């Protein structure tokens, strides 16, 4: 149980800022990597990573269900999740076109997240409170990072490459500082951030 929560926290620590950071830098990444003719695809890249983060996080819940031997229950859950996702994609497309598909995928992955973790909680000692605590600090820190990046985007007048570099550096700084502050205020030595701190200290001592 403790190992799973720590693994979930570690995964969130990396995937949440990566997904949110990609969303916040889509206006630079699209023209730099794909060219100006793909600018219309920018809104898609701004929202797709959100669904990808949810997908990556709830995959862990499936693993714990399998490890505990409830393969049949996981298979049934997978069918329900697939039907829910297809329904969300269809409704989204009918109502809003391509952007509706993106929104539908996010909602569908959100439903999958809740459903799969509900199953994991049913067959294991996991609790929603533990899951929320594991995800809270990365989510709050990524939210602070996104707020700063969205705010400064309108005030940056740099070449695209330089602007991307500034936003990436600023995002890493804000996320790291906010995460460290939250860990010091509300975390514990048992949290995954504590493991990172220990490893960094060990490497510094060896150097």
C-alpha atoms as a PDB file:
ATOM      1  CA  UNK A   1       0.000   0.000   0.000  1.00  0.00           C
ATOM      2  CA  UNK A   2       2.698   2.477   1.026  1.00  0.00           C
ATOM      3  CA  UNK A   3       4.839   1.438  -1.947  1.00  0.00           C
ATOM      4  CA  UNK A   4       1.951   2.039  -4.352  1.00  0.00           C
ATOM      5  CA  UNK A   5       1.215   5.492  -2.932  1.00  0.00           C
ATOM      6  CA  UNK A   6       4.889   6.403  -3.187  1.00  0.00           C
ATOM      7  CA  UNK A   7       4.992   5.142  -6.793  1.00  0.00           C
ATOM      8  CA  UNK A   8       1.874   7.155  -7.616  1.00  0.00           C
ATOM      9  CA  UNK A   9       3.399  10.260  -6.060  1.00  0.00           C
ATOM     10  CA  UNK A  10       6.634   9.757  -7.972  1.00  0.00           C
ATOM     11  CA  UNK A  11       4.804   9.301 -11.270  1.00  0.00           C
ATOM     12  CA  UNK A  12       2.689  12.394 -10.635  1.00  0.00           C
ATOM     13  CA  UNK A  13       5.812  14.330  -9.709  1.00  0.00           C
ATOM     14  CA  UNK A  14       7.105  13.856 -13.277  1.00  0.00           C
ATOM     15  CA  UNK A  15       4.059  13.442 -15.534  1.00  0.00           C
ATOM     16  CA  UNK A  16       1.896  16.274 -14.194  1.00  0.00           C
ATOM     17  CA  UNK A  17       4.432  19.091 -14.780  1.00  0.00           C
ATOM     18  CA  UNK A  18       5.456  17.540 -18.114  1.00  0.00           C
ATOM     19  CA  UNK A  19       1.865  17.517 -19.370  1.00  0.00           C
ATOM     20  CA  UNK A  20       0.973  20.964 -18.029  1.00  0.00           C
ATOM     21  CA  UNK A  21       4.286  22.373 -19.245  1.00  0.00           C
ATOM     22  CA  UNK A  22       3.629  21.047 -22.749  1.00  0.00           C
ATOM     23  CA  UNK A  23       0.204  22.676 -22.706  1.00  0.00           C
ATOM     24  CA  UNK A  24       1.674  26.018 -21.638  1.00  0.00           C
ATOM     25  CA  UNK A  25       4.378  25.994 -24.324  1.00  0.00           C
ATOM     26  CA  UNK A  26       2.228  24.738 -27.211  1.00  0.00           C
ATOM     27  CA  UNK A  27       2.196  28.198 -28.819  1.00  0.00           C
ATOM     28  CA  UNK A  28       5.973  27.956 -29.216  1.00  0.00           C
ATOM     29  CA  UNK A  29       6.353  24.228 -29.854  1.00  0.00           C
ATOM     30  CA  UNK A  30       3.871  24.002 -32.743  1.00  0.00           C
ATOM     31  CA  UNK A  31       5.456  26.630 -35.027  1.00  0.00           C
ATOM     32  CA  UNK A  32       8.999  25.579 -34.085  1.00  0.00           C
ATOM     33  CA  UNK A  33       8.543  21.848 -34.697  1.00  0.00           C
ATOM     34  CA  UNK A  34       5.677  21.696 -37.181  1.00  0.00           C
ATOM     35  CA  UNK A  35       5.744  25.075 -38.921  1.00  0.00           C
ATOM     36  CA  UNK A  36       3.260  27.927 -39.246  1.00  0.00           C
ATOM     37  CA  UNK A  37       0.841  25.895 -41.343  1.00  0.00           C
ATOM     38  CA  UNK A  38       0.074  23.813 -38.254  1.00  0.00           C
ATOM     39  CA  UNK A  39      -0.826  26.787 -36.037  1.00  0.00           C
ATOM     40  CA  UNK A  40      -4.484  25.767 -36.135  1.00  0.00           C
ATOM     41  CA  UNK A  41      -3.486  22.616 -34.250  1.00  0.00           C
ATOM     42  CA  UNK A  42      -2.169  24.619 -31.266  1.00  0.00           C
ATOM     43  CA  UNK A  43      -5.402  24.329 -29.211  1.00  0.00           C
ATOM     44  CA  UNK A  44      -5.256  20.547 -29.638  1.00  0.00           C
ATOM     45  CA  UNK A  45      -1.734  20.364 -28.237  1.00  0.00           C
ATOM     46  CA  UNK A  46      -2.763  22.622 -25.383  1.00  0.00           C
ATOM     47  CA  UNK A  47      -5.408  20.158 -24.179  1.00  0.00           C
ATOM     48  CA  UNK A  48      -4.256  16.697 -25.285  1.00  0.00           C
ATOM     49  CA  UNK A  49      -1.530  16.419 -22.585  1.00  0.00           C
ATOM     50  CA  UNK A  50      -4.180  16.745 -19.862  1.00  0.00           C
ATOM     51  CA  UNK A  51      -5.805  13.499 -20.958  1.00  0.00           C
ATOM     52  CA  UNK A  52      -2.384  11.872 -21.318  1.00  0.00           C
ATOM     53  CA  UNK A  53      -1.531  12.709 -17.702  1.00  0.00           C
ATOM     54  CA  UNK A  54      -4.766  11.112 -16.484  1.00  0.00           C
ATOM     55  CA  UNK A  55      -4.053   8.060 -18.633  1.00  0.00           C
ATOM     56  CA  UNK A  56      -0.537   7.658 -17.223  1.00  0.00           C
ATOM     57  CA  UNK A  57      -1.677   8.036 -13.620  1.00  0.00           C
ATOM     58  CA  UNK A  58      -4.563   5.589 -13.652  1.00  0.00           C
ATOM     59  CA  UNK A  59      -2.444   2.908 -15.357  1.00  0.00           C
ATOM     60  CA  UNK A  60      -0.888   2.264 -11.930  1.00  0.00           C
ATOM     61  CA  UNK A  61      -4.286   1.410 -10.494  1.00  0.00           C
ATOM     62  CA  UNK A  62      -4.682  -1.291 -13.135  1.00  0.00           C
ATOM     63  CA  UNK A  63      -1.342  -2.754 -12.112  1.00  0.00           C
ATOM     64  CA  UNK A  64      -2.345  -3.143  -8.493  1.00  0.00           C
ATOM     65  CA  UNK A  65      -5.618  -4.851  -9.495  1.00  0.00           C
ATOM     66  CA  UNK A  66      -3.646  -7.348 -11.590  1.00  0.00           C
ATOM     67  CA  UNK A  67      -1.073  -7.958  -8.856  1.00  0.00           C
ATOM     68  CA  UNK A  68      -3.873  -8.777  -6.412  1.00  0.00           C
ATOM     69  CA  UNK A  69      -5.245 -11.347  -8.854  1.00  0.00           C
ATOM     70  CA  UNK A  70      -8.458  -9.640  -9.986  1.00  0.00           C
ATOM     71  CA  UNK A  71      -7.807  -9.950 -13.717  1.00  0.00           C
ATOM     72  CA  UNK A  72     -11.440 -10.665 -14.614  1.00  0.00           C
ATOM     73  CA  UNK A  73     -12.635  -7.611 -12.693  1.00  0.00           C
ATOM     74  CA  UNK A  74     -10.032  -5.506 -14.524  1.00  0.00           C
ATOM     75  CA  UNK A  75     -11.239  -6.869 -17.885  1.00  0.00           C
ATOM     76  CA  UNK A  76     -14.844  -5.924 -17.080  1.00  0.00           C
ATOM     77  CA  UNK A  77     -13.701  -2.499 -15.952  1.00  0.00           C
ATOM     78  CA  UNK A  78     -11.727  -2.071 -19.170  1.00  0.00           C
ATOM     79  CA  UNK A  79     -14.862  -2.690 -21.244  1.00  0.00           C
ATOM     80  CA  UNK A  80     -16.856  -0.171 -19.221  1.00  0.00           C
ATOM     81  CA  UNK A  81     -14.057   2.388 -19.562  1.00  0.00           C
ATOM     82  CA  UNK A  82     -13.844   1.807 -23.323  1.00  0.00           C
ATOM     83  CA  UNK A  83     -17.589   2.294 -23.764  1.00  0.00           C
ATOM     84  CA  UNK A  84     -17.513   5.461 -21.662  1.00  0.00           C
ATOM     85  CA  UNK A  85     -14.588   6.832 -23.668  1.00  0.00           C
ATOM     86  CA  UNK A  86     -16.278   6.062 -26.999  1.00  0.00           C
ATOM     87  CA  UNK A  87     -19.477   7.739 -25.816  1.00  0.00           C
ATOM     88  CA  UNK A  88     -17.557  10.846 -24.738  1.00  0.00           C
ATOM     89  CA  UNK A  89     -15.660  10.982 -28.034  1.00  0.00           C
ATOM     90  CA  UNK A  90     -18.844  10.601 -30.087  1.00  0.00           C
ATOM     91  CA  UNK A  91     -20.788  13.222 -28.142  1.00  0.00           C
ATOM     92  CA  UNK A  92     -17.827  15.604 -28.204  1.00  0.00           C
ATOM     93  CA  UNK A  93     -17.409  15.241 -31.954  1.00  0.00           C
ATOM     94  CA  UNK A  94     -21.110  15.711 -32.652  1.00  0.00           C
ATOM     95  CA  UNK A  95     -21.265  18.853 -30.535  1.00  0.00           C
ATOM     96  CA  UNK A  96     -17.900  20.548 -31.111  1.00  0.00           C
ATOM     97  CA  UNK A  97     -16.030  18.750 -33.885  1.00  0.00           C
ATOM     98  CA  UNK A  98     -12.319  18.041 -33.458  1.00  0.00           C
ATOM     99  CA  UNK A  99     -11.980  20.067 -30.271  1.00  0.00           C
ATOM    100  CA  UNK A 100     -14.936  18.120 -28.927  1.00  0.00           C
ATOM    101  CA  UNK A 101     -12.982  14.909 -29.528  1.00  0.00           C
ATOM    102  CA  UNK A 102     -10.131  16.307 -27.432  1.00  0.00           C
ATOM    103  CA  UNK A 103     -12.550  17.348 -24.692  1.00  0.00           C
ATOM    104  CA  UNK A 104     -14.267  13.984 -24.892  1.00  0.00           C
ATOM    105  CA  UNK A 105     -10.951  12.179 -24.479  1.00  0.00           C
ATOM    106  CA  UNK A 106     -10.181  14.227 -21.372  1.00  0.00           C
ATOM    107  CA  UNK A 107     -13.603  13.521 -19.857  1.00  0.00           C
ATOM    108  CA  UNK A 108     -13.358   9.856 -20.847  1.00  0.00           C
ATOM    109  CA  UNK A 109      -9.919   9.518 -19.274  1.00  0.00           C
ATOM    110  CA  UNK A 110     -11.230  11.284 -16.188  1.00  0.00           C
ATOM    111  CA  UNK A 111     -14.039   8.727 -15.913  1.00  0.00           C
ATOM    112  CA  UNK A 112     -11.484   5.933 -16.405  1.00  0.00           C
ATOM    113  CA  UNK A 113      -9.305   7.448 -13.674  1.00  0.00           C
ATOM    114  CA  UNK A 114     -12.147   7.474 -11.134  1.00  0.00           C
ATOM    115  CA  UNK A 115     -13.474   4.063 -12.156  1.00  0.00           C
ATOM    116  CA  UNK A 116     -10.138   2.267 -12.121  1.00  0.00           C
ATOM    117  CA  UNK A 117      -9.073   3.748  -8.798  1.00  0.00           C
ATOM    118  CA  UNK A 118     -12.501   2.884  -7.351  1.00  0.00           C
ATOM    119  CA  UNK A 119     -11.877  -0.739  -8.351  1.00  0.00           C
ATOM    120  CA  UNK A 120      -8.359  -0.642  -6.884  1.00  0.00           C
ATOM    121  CA  UNK A 121      -9.751   0.746  -3.618  1.00  0.00           C
ATOM    122  CA  UNK A 122     -12.382  -2.002  -3.543  1.00  0.00           C
ATOM    123  CA  UNK A 123      -9.825  -4.830  -3.778  1.00  0.00           C
ATOM    124  CA  UNK A 124      -7.007  -3.288  -1.719  1.00  0.00           C
ATOM    125  CA  UNK A 125      -6.386  -1.263   1.452  1.00  0.00           C
ATOM    126  CA  UNK A 126      -6.074   1.928  -0.637  1.00  0.00           C
ATOM    127  CA  UNK A 127      -8.211   4.934   0.275  1.00  0.00           C
ATOM    128  CA  UNK A 128      -9.211   8.035  -1.678  1.00  0.00           C
ATOM    129  CA  UNK A 129      -7.570  10.252   0.938  1.00  0.00           C
ATOM    130  CA  UNK A 130      -4.189   8.593   0.382  1.00  0.00           C
ATOM    131  CA  UNK A 131      -4.505   9.000  -3.387  1.00  0.00           C
ATOM    132  CA  UNK A 132      -5.490  12.654  -3.018  1.00  0.00           C
ATOM    133  CA  UNK A 133      -2.520  13.351  -0.740  1.00  0.00           C
ATOM    134  CA  UNK A 134      -0.133  11.671  -3.195  1.00  0.00           C
ATOM    135  CA  UNK A 135      -1.389  13.858  -6.041  1.00  0.00           C
ATOM    136  CA  UNK A 136      -2.030  17.122  -4.192  1.00  0.00           C
ATOM    137  CA  UNK A 137       1.469  18.627  -4.130  1.00  0.00           C
ATOM    138  CA  UNK A 138       2.338  17.932  -7.798  1.00  0.00           C
ATOM    139  CA  UNK A 139      -1.066  19.269  -8.871  1.00  0.00           C
ATOM    140  CA  UNK A 140      -0.799  22.458  -6.811  1.00  0.00           C
ATOM    141  CA  UNK A 141       2.796  23.051  -7.908  1.00  0.00           C
ATOM    142  CA  UNK A 142       1.902  22.470 -11.578  1.00  0.00           C
ATOM    143  CA  UNK A 143      -1.046  24.840 -11.168  1.00  0.00           C
ATOM    144  CA  UNK A 144       1.260  27.545  -9.826  1.00  0.00           C
ATOM    145  CA  UNK A 145       3.641  26.935 -12.728  1.00  0.00           C
ATOM    146  CA  UNK A 146       0.808  27.185 -15.258  1.00  0.00           C
ATOM    147  CA  UNK A 147      -0.485  30.392 -13.685  1.00  0.00           C
ATOM    148  CA  UNK A 148       2.900  32.064 -13.957  1.00  0.00           C
ATOM    149  CA  UNK A 149       3.532  30.863 -17.526  1.00  0.00           C
ATOM    150  CA  UNK A 150       0.116  32.007 -18.751  1.00  0.00           C
ATOM    151  CA  UNK A 151       0.654  35.379 -17.101  1.00  0.00           C
ATOM    152  CA  UNK A 152       4.107  36.025 -18.569  1.00  0.00           C
ATOM    153  CA  UNK A 153       3.227  34.715 -22.058  1.00  0.00           C
ATOM    154  CA  UNK A 154       1.501  37.962 -22.999  1.00  0.00           C
ATOM    155  CA  UNK A 155       4.505  40.020 -21.903  1.00  0.00           C
ATOM    156  CA  UNK A 156       7.313  38.132 -23.640  1.00  0.00           C
ATOM    157  CA  UNK A 157       8.489  39.644 -26.925  1.00  0.00           C
ATOM    158  CA  UNK A 158      11.322  37.288 -27.854  1.00  0.00           C
ATOM    159  CA  UNK A 159      12.165  35.018 -30.778  1.00  0.00           C
ATOM    160  CA  UNK A 160      10.243  31.739 -30.509  1.00  0.00           C
ATOM    161  CA  UNK A 161      13.244  29.632 -29.479  1.00  0.00           C
ATOM    162  CA  UNK A 162      14.304  32.110 -26.811  1.00  0.00           C
ATOM    163  CA  UNK A 163      10.732  32.433 -25.584  1.00  0.00           C
ATOM    164  CA  UNK A 164      10.431  28.658 -25.299  1.00  0.00           C
ATOM    165  CA  UNK A 165      13.704  28.494 -23.369  1.00  0.00           C
ATOM    166  CA  UNK A 166      12.592  31.210 -20.960  1.00  0.00           C
ATOM    167  CA  UNK A 167       9.231  29.555 -20.337  1.00  0.00           C
ATOM    168  CA  UNK A 168      10.789  26.118 -19.782  1.00  0.00           C
ATOM    169  CA  UNK A 169      13.376  27.507 -17.343  1.00  0.00           C
ATOM    170  CA  UNK A 170      10.760  29.579 -15.521  1.00  0.00           C
ATOM    171  CA  UNK A 171       8.364  26.633 -15.374  1.00  0.00           C
ATOM    172  CA  UNK A 172      11.006  24.327 -13.891  1.00  0.00           C
ATOM    173  CA  UNK A 173      11.941  26.992 -11.343  1.00  0.00           C
ATOM    174  CA  UNK A 174       8.377  27.765 -10.248  1.00  0.00           C
ATOM    175  CA  UNK A 175       7.375  24.101 -10.109  1.00  0.00           C
ATOM    176  CA  UNK A 176      10.474  23.108  -8.148  1.00  0.00           C
ATOM    177  CA  UNK A 177      10.205  25.958  -5.642  1.00  0.00           C
ATOM    178  CA  UNK A 178       6.470  25.491  -5.092  1.00  0.00           C
ATOM    179  CA  UNK A 179       6.859  21.748  -4.690  1.00  0.00           C
ATOM    180  CA  UNK A 180       9.706  22.196  -2.201  1.00  0.00           C
ATOM    181  CA  UNK A 181       7.695  24.731  -0.207  1.00  0.00           C
ATOM    182  CA  UNK A 182       4.617  22.496  -0.090  1.00  0.00           C
ATOM    183  CA  UNK A 183       6.727  19.523   0.926  1.00  0.00           C
ATOM    184  CA  UNK A 184       8.328  21.461   3.759  1.00  0.00           C
ATOM    185  CA  UNK A 185       4.956  22.745   4.970  1.00  0.00           C
ATOM    186  CA  UNK A 186       2.710  19.710   4.512  1.00  0.00           C
ATOM    187  CA  UNK A 187       4.899  16.805   3.452  1.00  0.00           C
ATOM    188  CA  UNK A 188       6.692  14.155   5.400  1.00  0.00           C
ATOM    189  CA  UNK A 189       9.974  12.303   5.213  1.00  0.00           C
ATOM    190  CA  UNK A 190       8.026   9.307   3.923  1.00  0.00           C
ATOM    191  CA  UNK A 191       6.867  11.246   0.835  1.00  0.00           C
ATOM    192  CA  UNK A 192       8.566  10.650  -2.486  1.00  0.00           C
ATOM    193  CA  UNK A 193      10.122  14.120  -2.391  1.00  0.00           C
ATOM    194  CA  UNK A 194      12.097  12.970   0.633  1.00  0.00           C
ATOM    195  CA  UNK A 195      13.673  10.207  -1.455  1.00  0.00           C
ATOM    196  CA  UNK A 196      14.746  12.739  -4.082  1.00  0.00           C
ATOM    197  CA  UNK A 197      16.290  14.961  -1.424  1.00  0.00           C
ATOM    198  CA  UNK A 198      18.213  12.019   0.047  1.00  0.00           C
ATOM    199  CA  UNK A 199      19.519  10.966  -3.382  1.00  0.00           C
ATOM    200  CA  UNK A 200      20.607  14.504  -4.226  1.00  0.00           C
ATOM    201  CA  UNK A 201      22.448  14.813  -0.916  1.00  0.00           C
ATOM    202  CA  UNK A 202      24.190  11.478  -1.495  1.00  0.00           C
ATOM    203  CA  UNK A 203      25.352  12.561  -4.955  1.00  0.00           C
ATOM    204  CA  UNK A 204      26.599  15.887  -3.638  1.00  0.00           C
ATOM    205  CA  UNK A 205      28.595  14.127  -0.919  1.00  0.00           C
ATOM    206  CA  UNK A 206      30.165  11.771  -3.461  1.00  0.00           C
ATOM    207  CA  UNK A 207      31.072  14.706  -5.687  1.00  0.00           C
END
